[in-house]
N, C-alpha and C. Protein backbone atom coordinates (compact mmCIF):
# COMPACT_ATOMS: atom_id res chain seq x y z
N UNK A 1 -167.11 -91.69 47.13
CA UNK A 1 -165.72 -91.42 46.82
C UNK A 1 -165.40 -89.98 47.18
N UNK A 2 -164.34 -89.70 47.89
CA UNK A 2 -164.01 -88.34 48.29
C UNK A 2 -163.75 -87.44 47.10
N UNK A 3 -164.15 -86.20 47.24
CA UNK A 3 -163.97 -85.22 46.18
C UNK A 3 -162.50 -85.07 45.82
N UNK A 4 -161.63 -84.98 46.82
CA UNK A 4 -160.22 -84.70 46.51
C UNK A 4 -159.55 -85.82 45.76
N UNK A 5 -160.14 -87.03 45.77
CA UNK A 5 -159.56 -88.13 45.01
C UNK A 5 -160.27 -88.34 43.68
N UNK A 6 -161.53 -87.90 43.59
CA UNK A 6 -162.33 -88.22 42.42
C UNK A 6 -162.04 -87.33 41.22
N UNK A 7 -161.52 -86.14 41.44
CA UNK A 7 -161.30 -85.24 40.31
C UNK A 7 -159.98 -84.50 40.45
N UNK A 8 -158.86 -85.23 40.32
CA UNK A 8 -157.56 -84.59 40.52
C UNK A 8 -157.26 -83.48 39.53
N UNK A 9 -157.87 -83.51 38.32
CA UNK A 9 -157.56 -82.48 37.34
C UNK A 9 -158.32 -81.18 37.62
N UNK A 10 -159.42 -81.24 38.34
CA UNK A 10 -160.19 -80.04 38.65
C UNK A 10 -159.96 -79.65 40.10
N UNK A 11 -159.39 -78.46 40.28
CA UNK A 11 -159.17 -77.97 41.63
C UNK A 11 -160.41 -77.23 42.10
N UNK A 12 -160.79 -77.48 43.35
CA UNK A 12 -161.92 -76.78 43.95
C UNK A 12 -161.43 -75.44 44.47
N UNK A 13 -162.11 -74.38 44.05
CA UNK A 13 -161.70 -73.02 44.42
C UNK A 13 -162.32 -72.62 45.75
N UNK A 14 -161.45 -72.32 46.71
CA UNK A 14 -161.87 -71.93 48.04
C UNK A 14 -161.37 -70.53 48.34
N UNK A 15 -162.04 -69.88 49.29
CA UNK A 15 -161.57 -68.58 49.78
C UNK A 15 -161.40 -68.70 51.28
N UNK A 16 -160.21 -68.40 51.77
CA UNK A 16 -159.94 -68.36 53.20
C UNK A 16 -159.83 -66.90 53.62
N UNK A 17 -160.53 -66.55 54.71
CA UNK A 17 -160.55 -65.17 55.17
C UNK A 17 -160.14 -65.13 56.64
N UNK A 18 -159.06 -64.43 56.94
CA UNK A 18 -158.58 -64.32 58.32
C UNK A 18 -157.66 -63.11 58.38
N UNK A 19 -157.71 -62.38 59.49
CA UNK A 19 -156.85 -61.21 59.63
C UNK A 19 -155.43 -61.58 60.05
N UNK A 20 -155.20 -62.84 60.40
CA UNK A 20 -153.86 -63.28 60.80
C UNK A 20 -153.17 -64.04 59.68
N UNK A 21 -152.07 -63.50 59.14
CA UNK A 21 -151.38 -64.15 58.03
C UNK A 21 -150.95 -65.60 58.32
N UNK A 22 -150.57 -65.90 59.56
CA UNK A 22 -150.16 -67.26 59.91
C UNK A 22 -151.31 -68.25 59.71
N UNK A 23 -152.54 -67.83 60.06
CA UNK A 23 -153.69 -68.71 59.88
C UNK A 23 -153.98 -68.95 58.40
N UNK A 24 -153.84 -67.92 57.59
CA UNK A 24 -154.04 -68.08 56.14
C UNK A 24 -152.98 -69.01 55.55
N UNK A 25 -151.74 -68.84 55.99
CA UNK A 25 -150.65 -69.70 55.52
C UNK A 25 -150.94 -71.16 55.85
N UNK A 26 -151.41 -71.41 57.08
CA UNK A 26 -151.71 -72.77 57.52
C UNK A 26 -152.82 -73.39 56.66
N UNK A 27 -153.89 -72.64 56.44
CA UNK A 27 -155.00 -73.15 55.62
C UNK A 27 -154.51 -73.45 54.20
N UNK A 28 -153.72 -72.55 53.63
CA UNK A 28 -153.20 -72.79 52.28
C UNK A 28 -152.28 -74.01 52.25
N UNK A 29 -151.50 -74.20 53.30
CA UNK A 29 -150.59 -75.34 53.35
C UNK A 29 -151.36 -76.66 53.42
N UNK A 30 -152.47 -76.67 54.12
CA UNK A 30 -153.28 -77.89 54.27
C UNK A 30 -154.14 -78.14 53.03
N UNK A 31 -154.84 -77.11 52.61
CA UNK A 31 -155.76 -77.23 51.47
C UNK A 31 -155.01 -76.82 50.20
N UNK A 32 -154.07 -77.65 49.82
CA UNK A 32 -153.22 -77.34 48.68
C UNK A 32 -153.66 -78.10 47.43
N UNK A 33 -152.96 -77.85 46.33
CA UNK A 33 -153.29 -78.50 45.06
C UNK A 33 -153.18 -80.01 45.14
N UNK A 34 -152.25 -80.48 45.95
CA UNK A 34 -152.07 -81.92 46.11
C UNK A 34 -153.35 -82.58 46.66
N UNK A 35 -154.09 -81.84 47.47
CA UNK A 35 -155.33 -82.34 48.03
C UNK A 35 -156.55 -81.94 47.20
N UNK A 36 -156.33 -81.24 46.10
CA UNK A 36 -157.42 -80.91 45.19
C UNK A 36 -158.03 -79.54 45.36
N UNK A 37 -157.30 -78.63 45.99
CA UNK A 37 -157.85 -77.30 46.26
C UNK A 37 -156.94 -76.19 45.79
N UNK A 38 -157.57 -75.10 45.39
CA UNK A 38 -156.88 -73.86 45.07
C UNK A 38 -157.45 -72.83 46.04
N UNK A 39 -156.61 -72.28 46.90
CA UNK A 39 -157.09 -71.38 47.94
C UNK A 39 -156.64 -69.95 47.69
N UNK A 40 -157.63 -69.07 47.57
CA UNK A 40 -157.35 -67.63 47.52
C UNK A 40 -157.52 -67.13 48.95
N UNK A 41 -156.85 -66.04 49.28
CA UNK A 41 -156.90 -65.53 50.65
C UNK A 41 -157.28 -64.05 50.68
N UNK A 42 -158.01 -63.69 51.74
CA UNK A 42 -158.33 -62.29 52.01
C UNK A 42 -158.06 -62.05 53.49
N UNK A 43 -157.54 -60.87 53.81
CA UNK A 43 -157.20 -60.60 55.20
C UNK A 43 -158.20 -59.70 55.93
N UNK A 44 -159.32 -59.41 55.26
CA UNK A 44 -160.38 -58.64 55.93
C UNK A 44 -161.71 -58.87 55.22
N UNK A 45 -162.79 -58.47 55.88
CA UNK A 45 -164.13 -58.72 55.35
C UNK A 45 -164.41 -58.05 54.02
N UNK A 46 -164.01 -56.78 53.88
CA UNK A 46 -164.30 -56.07 52.63
C UNK A 46 -163.54 -56.69 51.46
N UNK A 47 -162.29 -57.05 51.67
CA UNK A 47 -161.52 -57.70 50.61
C UNK A 47 -162.17 -59.02 50.23
N UNK A 48 -162.69 -59.74 51.22
CA UNK A 48 -163.38 -61.01 50.94
C UNK A 48 -164.62 -60.77 50.09
N UNK A 49 -165.42 -59.78 50.45
CA UNK A 49 -166.64 -59.49 49.68
C UNK A 49 -166.30 -59.12 48.24
N UNK A 50 -165.26 -58.33 48.05
CA UNK A 50 -164.84 -57.94 46.70
C UNK A 50 -164.43 -59.17 45.89
N UNK A 51 -163.67 -60.08 46.51
CA UNK A 51 -163.22 -61.29 45.82
C UNK A 51 -164.40 -62.21 45.51
N UNK A 52 -165.34 -62.32 46.43
CA UNK A 52 -166.50 -63.19 46.25
C UNK A 52 -167.35 -62.69 45.09
N UNK A 53 -167.55 -61.37 45.01
CA UNK A 53 -168.35 -60.82 43.92
C UNK A 53 -167.67 -60.97 42.57
N UNK A 54 -166.37 -60.78 42.52
CA UNK A 54 -165.67 -60.84 41.23
C UNK A 54 -165.44 -62.27 40.76
N UNK A 55 -165.27 -63.21 41.69
CA UNK A 55 -165.03 -64.60 41.31
C UNK A 55 -165.50 -65.52 42.45
N UNK A 56 -166.80 -65.85 42.46
CA UNK A 56 -167.36 -66.64 43.56
C UNK A 56 -166.64 -68.00 43.73
N UNK A 57 -166.17 -68.26 44.95
CA UNK A 57 -165.51 -69.55 45.22
C UNK A 57 -166.57 -70.64 45.42
N UNK A 58 -166.11 -71.87 45.53
CA UNK A 58 -167.02 -72.98 45.80
C UNK A 58 -167.32 -73.11 47.29
N UNK A 59 -166.44 -72.55 48.12
CA UNK A 59 -166.61 -72.63 49.57
C UNK A 59 -165.78 -71.52 50.20
N UNK A 60 -166.29 -70.99 51.34
CA UNK A 60 -165.59 -69.93 52.06
C UNK A 60 -165.28 -70.42 53.47
N UNK A 61 -164.02 -70.28 53.87
CA UNK A 61 -163.59 -70.52 55.26
C UNK A 61 -163.39 -69.13 55.85
N UNK A 62 -164.20 -68.77 56.84
CA UNK A 62 -164.29 -67.39 57.27
C UNK A 62 -164.09 -67.25 58.77
N UNK A 63 -163.03 -66.54 59.16
CA UNK A 63 -162.77 -66.26 60.57
C UNK A 63 -163.91 -65.40 61.12
N UNK A 64 -164.33 -65.68 62.34
CA UNK A 64 -165.43 -64.93 62.94
C UNK A 64 -164.94 -63.58 63.47
N UNK A 65 -163.88 -63.58 64.24
CA UNK A 65 -163.41 -62.36 64.91
C UNK A 65 -162.32 -61.67 64.10
N UNK A 66 -162.75 -60.65 63.36
CA UNK A 66 -161.80 -59.85 62.59
C UNK A 66 -162.11 -58.38 62.86
N UNK A 67 -161.11 -57.53 62.82
CA UNK A 67 -161.37 -56.09 63.01
C UNK A 67 -162.14 -55.55 61.81
N UNK A 68 -162.94 -54.54 62.07
CA UNK A 68 -163.70 -53.93 60.99
C UNK A 68 -165.01 -54.64 60.74
N UNK A 69 -164.96 -55.70 60.00
CA UNK A 69 -166.16 -56.47 59.64
C UNK A 69 -165.98 -57.90 60.13
N UNK A 70 -166.88 -58.35 60.98
CA UNK A 70 -166.78 -59.71 61.50
C UNK A 70 -167.19 -60.73 60.46
N UNK A 71 -166.89 -61.98 60.73
CA UNK A 71 -167.31 -63.07 59.86
C UNK A 71 -168.83 -63.16 59.75
N UNK A 72 -169.52 -62.83 60.84
CA UNK A 72 -170.99 -62.84 60.80
C UNK A 72 -171.50 -61.82 59.77
N UNK A 73 -170.92 -60.61 59.79
CA UNK A 73 -171.36 -59.57 58.87
C UNK A 73 -171.05 -59.95 57.42
N UNK A 74 -169.88 -60.52 57.17
CA UNK A 74 -169.55 -60.97 55.82
C UNK A 74 -170.56 -62.02 55.37
N UNK A 75 -170.87 -62.96 56.25
CA UNK A 75 -171.83 -64.02 55.92
C UNK A 75 -173.18 -63.42 55.56
N UNK A 76 -173.66 -62.49 56.38
CA UNK A 76 -174.97 -61.86 56.11
C UNK A 76 -174.96 -61.14 54.75
N UNK A 77 -173.89 -60.43 54.44
CA UNK A 77 -173.83 -59.71 53.17
C UNK A 77 -173.78 -60.66 51.98
N UNK A 78 -173.07 -61.77 52.13
CA UNK A 78 -173.02 -62.76 51.06
C UNK A 78 -174.42 -63.33 50.84
N UNK A 79 -175.11 -63.68 51.92
CA UNK A 79 -176.44 -64.29 51.82
C UNK A 79 -177.48 -63.30 51.28
N UNK A 80 -177.29 -62.01 51.51
CA UNK A 80 -178.25 -61.01 51.05
C UNK A 80 -178.00 -60.54 49.62
N UNK A 81 -176.91 -60.99 49.01
CA UNK A 81 -176.58 -60.56 47.66
C UNK A 81 -177.25 -61.49 46.65
N UNK A 82 -178.30 -61.01 45.96
CA UNK A 82 -179.03 -61.87 45.02
C UNK A 82 -178.22 -62.26 43.78
N UNK A 83 -177.11 -61.56 43.52
CA UNK A 83 -176.29 -61.87 42.35
C UNK A 83 -175.43 -63.11 42.56
N UNK A 84 -175.27 -63.51 43.83
CA UNK A 84 -174.37 -64.63 44.13
C UNK A 84 -175.13 -65.95 44.24
N UNK A 85 -174.50 -67.02 43.77
CA UNK A 85 -175.10 -68.35 43.99
C UNK A 85 -174.93 -68.70 45.47
N UNK A 86 -175.58 -69.78 45.92
CA UNK A 86 -175.37 -70.21 47.30
C UNK A 86 -173.95 -70.76 47.40
N UNK A 87 -173.16 -70.13 48.26
CA UNK A 87 -171.79 -70.56 48.50
C UNK A 87 -171.73 -71.06 49.94
N UNK A 88 -171.32 -72.30 50.15
CA UNK A 88 -171.19 -72.77 51.53
C UNK A 88 -170.15 -71.94 52.28
N UNK A 89 -170.49 -71.60 53.53
CA UNK A 89 -169.59 -70.82 54.38
C UNK A 89 -169.38 -71.60 55.68
N UNK A 90 -168.12 -71.85 56.01
CA UNK A 90 -167.75 -72.45 57.29
C UNK A 90 -167.05 -71.38 58.11
N UNK A 91 -167.65 -71.04 59.25
CA UNK A 91 -167.04 -70.07 60.15
C UNK A 91 -165.92 -70.75 60.93
N UNK A 92 -164.80 -70.08 61.05
CA UNK A 92 -163.64 -70.63 61.75
C UNK A 92 -163.45 -69.79 63.02
N UNK A 93 -163.42 -70.46 64.18
CA UNK A 93 -163.34 -69.73 65.43
C UNK A 93 -162.66 -70.52 66.54
N UNK A 94 -162.07 -69.78 67.47
CA UNK A 94 -161.51 -70.40 68.67
C UNK A 94 -162.44 -70.20 69.86
N UNK A 95 -163.50 -69.43 69.66
CA UNK A 95 -164.42 -69.09 70.75
C UNK A 95 -165.46 -70.18 70.97
N UNK A 96 -165.50 -70.69 72.19
CA UNK A 96 -166.43 -71.78 72.54
C UNK A 96 -167.88 -71.33 72.52
N UNK A 97 -168.15 -70.04 72.77
CA UNK A 97 -169.54 -69.58 72.83
C UNK A 97 -170.21 -69.53 71.45
N UNK A 98 -169.44 -69.66 70.42
CA UNK A 98 -170.01 -69.70 69.07
C UNK A 98 -170.43 -71.13 68.78
N UNK A 99 -171.73 -71.32 68.58
CA UNK A 99 -172.29 -72.65 68.39
C UNK A 99 -172.72 -72.85 66.94
N UNK A 100 -173.00 -74.10 66.59
CA UNK A 100 -173.53 -74.41 65.25
C UNK A 100 -174.80 -73.60 65.02
N UNK A 101 -175.64 -73.50 66.05
CA UNK A 101 -176.91 -72.78 65.91
C UNK A 101 -176.66 -71.31 65.60
N UNK A 102 -175.74 -70.67 66.32
CA UNK A 102 -175.43 -69.26 66.05
C UNK A 102 -174.89 -69.09 64.63
N UNK A 103 -174.06 -70.03 64.22
CA UNK A 103 -173.50 -69.97 62.86
C UNK A 103 -174.61 -70.07 61.82
N UNK A 104 -175.53 -71.00 62.01
CA UNK A 104 -176.63 -71.17 61.06
C UNK A 104 -177.56 -69.96 61.05
N UNK A 105 -177.81 -69.38 62.23
CA UNK A 105 -178.64 -68.18 62.30
C UNK A 105 -178.02 -67.03 61.50
N UNK A 106 -176.71 -66.97 61.47
CA UNK A 106 -176.02 -65.93 60.70
C UNK A 106 -176.02 -66.24 59.20
N UNK A 107 -176.35 -67.49 58.84
CA UNK A 107 -176.39 -67.87 57.44
C UNK A 107 -175.25 -68.80 57.03
N UNK A 108 -174.40 -69.16 57.99
CA UNK A 108 -173.29 -70.07 57.68
C UNK A 108 -173.76 -71.52 57.66
N UNK A 109 -172.94 -72.36 57.06
CA UNK A 109 -173.28 -73.78 56.95
C UNK A 109 -172.69 -74.61 58.07
N UNK A 110 -171.85 -74.00 58.90
CA UNK A 110 -171.25 -74.72 60.02
C UNK A 110 -170.05 -73.99 60.56
N UNK A 111 -169.39 -74.62 61.53
CA UNK A 111 -168.20 -74.02 62.12
C UNK A 111 -167.06 -75.03 62.17
N UNK A 112 -165.87 -74.50 62.22
CA UNK A 112 -164.66 -75.29 62.45
C UNK A 112 -163.95 -74.60 63.60
N UNK A 113 -163.61 -75.37 64.60
CA UNK A 113 -162.94 -74.83 65.79
C UNK A 113 -161.42 -74.75 65.60
N UNK A 114 -160.85 -73.64 66.08
CA UNK A 114 -159.40 -73.48 66.13
C UNK A 114 -158.94 -73.89 67.52
N UNK A 115 -157.79 -74.44 67.68
CA UNK A 115 -156.94 -74.92 66.60
C UNK A 115 -157.56 -76.17 65.99
N UNK A 116 -157.44 -76.31 64.69
CA UNK A 116 -158.08 -77.44 64.03
C UNK A 116 -157.09 -78.53 63.69
N UNK A 117 -157.61 -79.72 63.70
CA UNK A 117 -156.88 -80.90 63.29
C UNK A 117 -156.87 -80.93 61.76
N UNK A 118 -155.76 -81.25 61.15
CA UNK A 118 -155.64 -81.25 59.69
C UNK A 118 -156.68 -82.16 59.05
N UNK A 119 -156.81 -83.37 59.56
CA UNK A 119 -157.77 -84.31 58.99
C UNK A 119 -159.20 -83.78 59.13
N UNK A 120 -159.49 -83.18 60.28
CA UNK A 120 -160.84 -82.64 60.50
C UNK A 120 -161.14 -81.52 59.50
N UNK A 121 -160.17 -80.64 59.27
CA UNK A 121 -160.37 -79.56 58.30
C UNK A 121 -160.62 -80.13 56.91
N UNK A 122 -159.78 -81.06 56.48
CA UNK A 122 -159.96 -81.68 55.16
C UNK A 122 -161.32 -82.37 55.06
N UNK A 123 -161.69 -83.10 56.10
CA UNK A 123 -162.98 -83.81 56.09
C UNK A 123 -164.16 -82.85 56.03
N UNK A 124 -164.12 -81.77 56.82
CA UNK A 124 -165.25 -80.81 56.82
C UNK A 124 -165.39 -80.11 55.48
N UNK A 125 -164.26 -79.72 54.89
CA UNK A 125 -164.30 -79.06 53.58
C UNK A 125 -164.87 -80.04 52.54
N UNK A 126 -164.36 -81.25 52.54
CA UNK A 126 -164.81 -82.25 51.59
C UNK A 126 -166.30 -82.56 51.77
N UNK A 127 -166.71 -82.75 53.01
CA UNK A 127 -168.11 -83.05 53.33
C UNK A 127 -169.04 -81.91 52.87
N UNK A 128 -168.62 -80.69 53.10
CA UNK A 128 -169.43 -79.53 52.72
C UNK A 128 -169.53 -79.40 51.21
N UNK A 129 -168.42 -79.64 50.50
CA UNK A 129 -168.45 -79.59 49.03
C UNK A 129 -169.31 -80.71 48.46
N UNK A 130 -169.24 -81.90 49.04
CA UNK A 130 -170.07 -83.02 48.57
C UNK A 130 -171.55 -82.72 48.77
N UNK A 131 -171.88 -82.11 49.91
CA UNK A 131 -173.27 -81.75 50.19
C UNK A 131 -173.77 -80.73 49.15
N UNK A 132 -172.93 -79.74 48.85
CA UNK A 132 -173.30 -78.74 47.85
C UNK A 132 -173.51 -79.39 46.49
N UNK A 133 -172.60 -80.31 46.12
CA UNK A 133 -172.70 -81.01 44.84
C UNK A 133 -173.99 -81.82 44.76
N UNK A 134 -174.32 -82.50 45.84
CA UNK A 134 -175.52 -83.32 45.91
C UNK A 134 -176.78 -82.46 45.78
N UNK A 135 -176.80 -81.33 46.49
CA UNK A 135 -177.95 -80.42 46.42
C UNK A 135 -178.10 -79.84 45.02
N UNK A 136 -176.99 -79.55 44.37
CA UNK A 136 -177.03 -79.00 43.01
C UNK A 136 -177.62 -80.03 42.04
N UNK A 137 -177.21 -81.29 42.18
CA UNK A 137 -177.74 -82.35 41.31
C UNK A 137 -179.24 -82.53 41.52
N UNK A 138 -179.68 -82.50 42.79
CA UNK A 138 -181.11 -82.64 43.08
C UNK A 138 -181.90 -81.49 42.49
N UNK A 139 -181.36 -80.29 42.58
CA UNK A 139 -182.02 -79.11 42.03
C UNK A 139 -182.13 -79.20 40.51
N UNK A 140 -181.05 -79.64 39.87
CA UNK A 140 -181.06 -79.80 38.41
C UNK A 140 -182.06 -80.87 37.99
N UNK A 141 -182.15 -81.94 38.77
CA UNK A 141 -183.09 -83.02 38.47
C UNK A 141 -184.52 -82.51 38.57
N UNK A 142 -184.82 -81.71 39.59
CA UNK A 142 -186.16 -81.15 39.75
C UNK A 142 -186.50 -80.23 38.59
N UNK A 143 -185.52 -79.43 38.14
CA UNK A 143 -185.75 -78.53 37.02
C UNK A 143 -186.05 -79.33 35.76
N UNK A 144 -185.33 -80.42 35.54
CA UNK A 144 -185.53 -81.27 34.37
C UNK A 144 -186.92 -81.91 34.41
N UNK A 145 -187.34 -82.35 35.60
CA UNK A 145 -188.65 -82.99 35.73
C UNK A 145 -189.80 -82.02 35.48
N UNK A 146 -189.59 -80.72 35.75
CA UNK A 146 -190.63 -79.71 35.57
C UNK A 146 -190.86 -79.36 34.10
N UNK A 147 -189.86 -79.60 33.26
CA UNK A 147 -189.98 -79.24 31.86
C UNK A 147 -190.97 -80.17 31.17
N UNK A 148 -191.87 -79.63 30.36
CA UNK A 148 -192.82 -80.49 29.64
C UNK A 148 -192.11 -81.34 28.58
N UNK A 149 -192.57 -82.53 28.43
CA UNK A 149 -191.98 -83.43 27.44
C UNK A 149 -192.38 -82.97 26.05
N UNK A 150 -191.44 -83.11 25.11
CA UNK A 150 -191.73 -82.77 23.72
C UNK A 150 -192.52 -83.92 23.12
N UNK A 151 -193.47 -83.55 22.36
CA UNK A 151 -194.35 -84.57 21.79
C UNK A 151 -194.18 -84.62 20.28
N UNK A 152 -194.35 -85.74 19.73
CA UNK A 152 -194.40 -86.06 18.31
C UNK A 152 -193.74 -85.03 17.46
């Protein structure tokens, strides 16, 4: 069952990062409350890092090419911060030379190509959140199995 239909009362908190206001507006318009998302926005890498540290989102949509700090650098800093939980990061780019492999090497969970199809964006976000949820459940199950059983 899709995440956006399974829990209408709980909005998934996302962070969209892009230096172009029109791109942020578009992402917010697509990933809205009606679809089960609450989107915060940052227009540069440092602002994104500050927001991530103060209130970690469930997923980050991160533009690759930004002035100052690129999406790759933001990804590396997020991954190197031991205080943060694992947050899925999808790099957003119009550049064909950026591959899934390059994204993963930087620490991202995947890429979304610009211009993006609305359905594709919704599907990728949903798929990534479901994968995170599934991994979290498996991790919790392993932790439970490791605990010694109480006896008599």
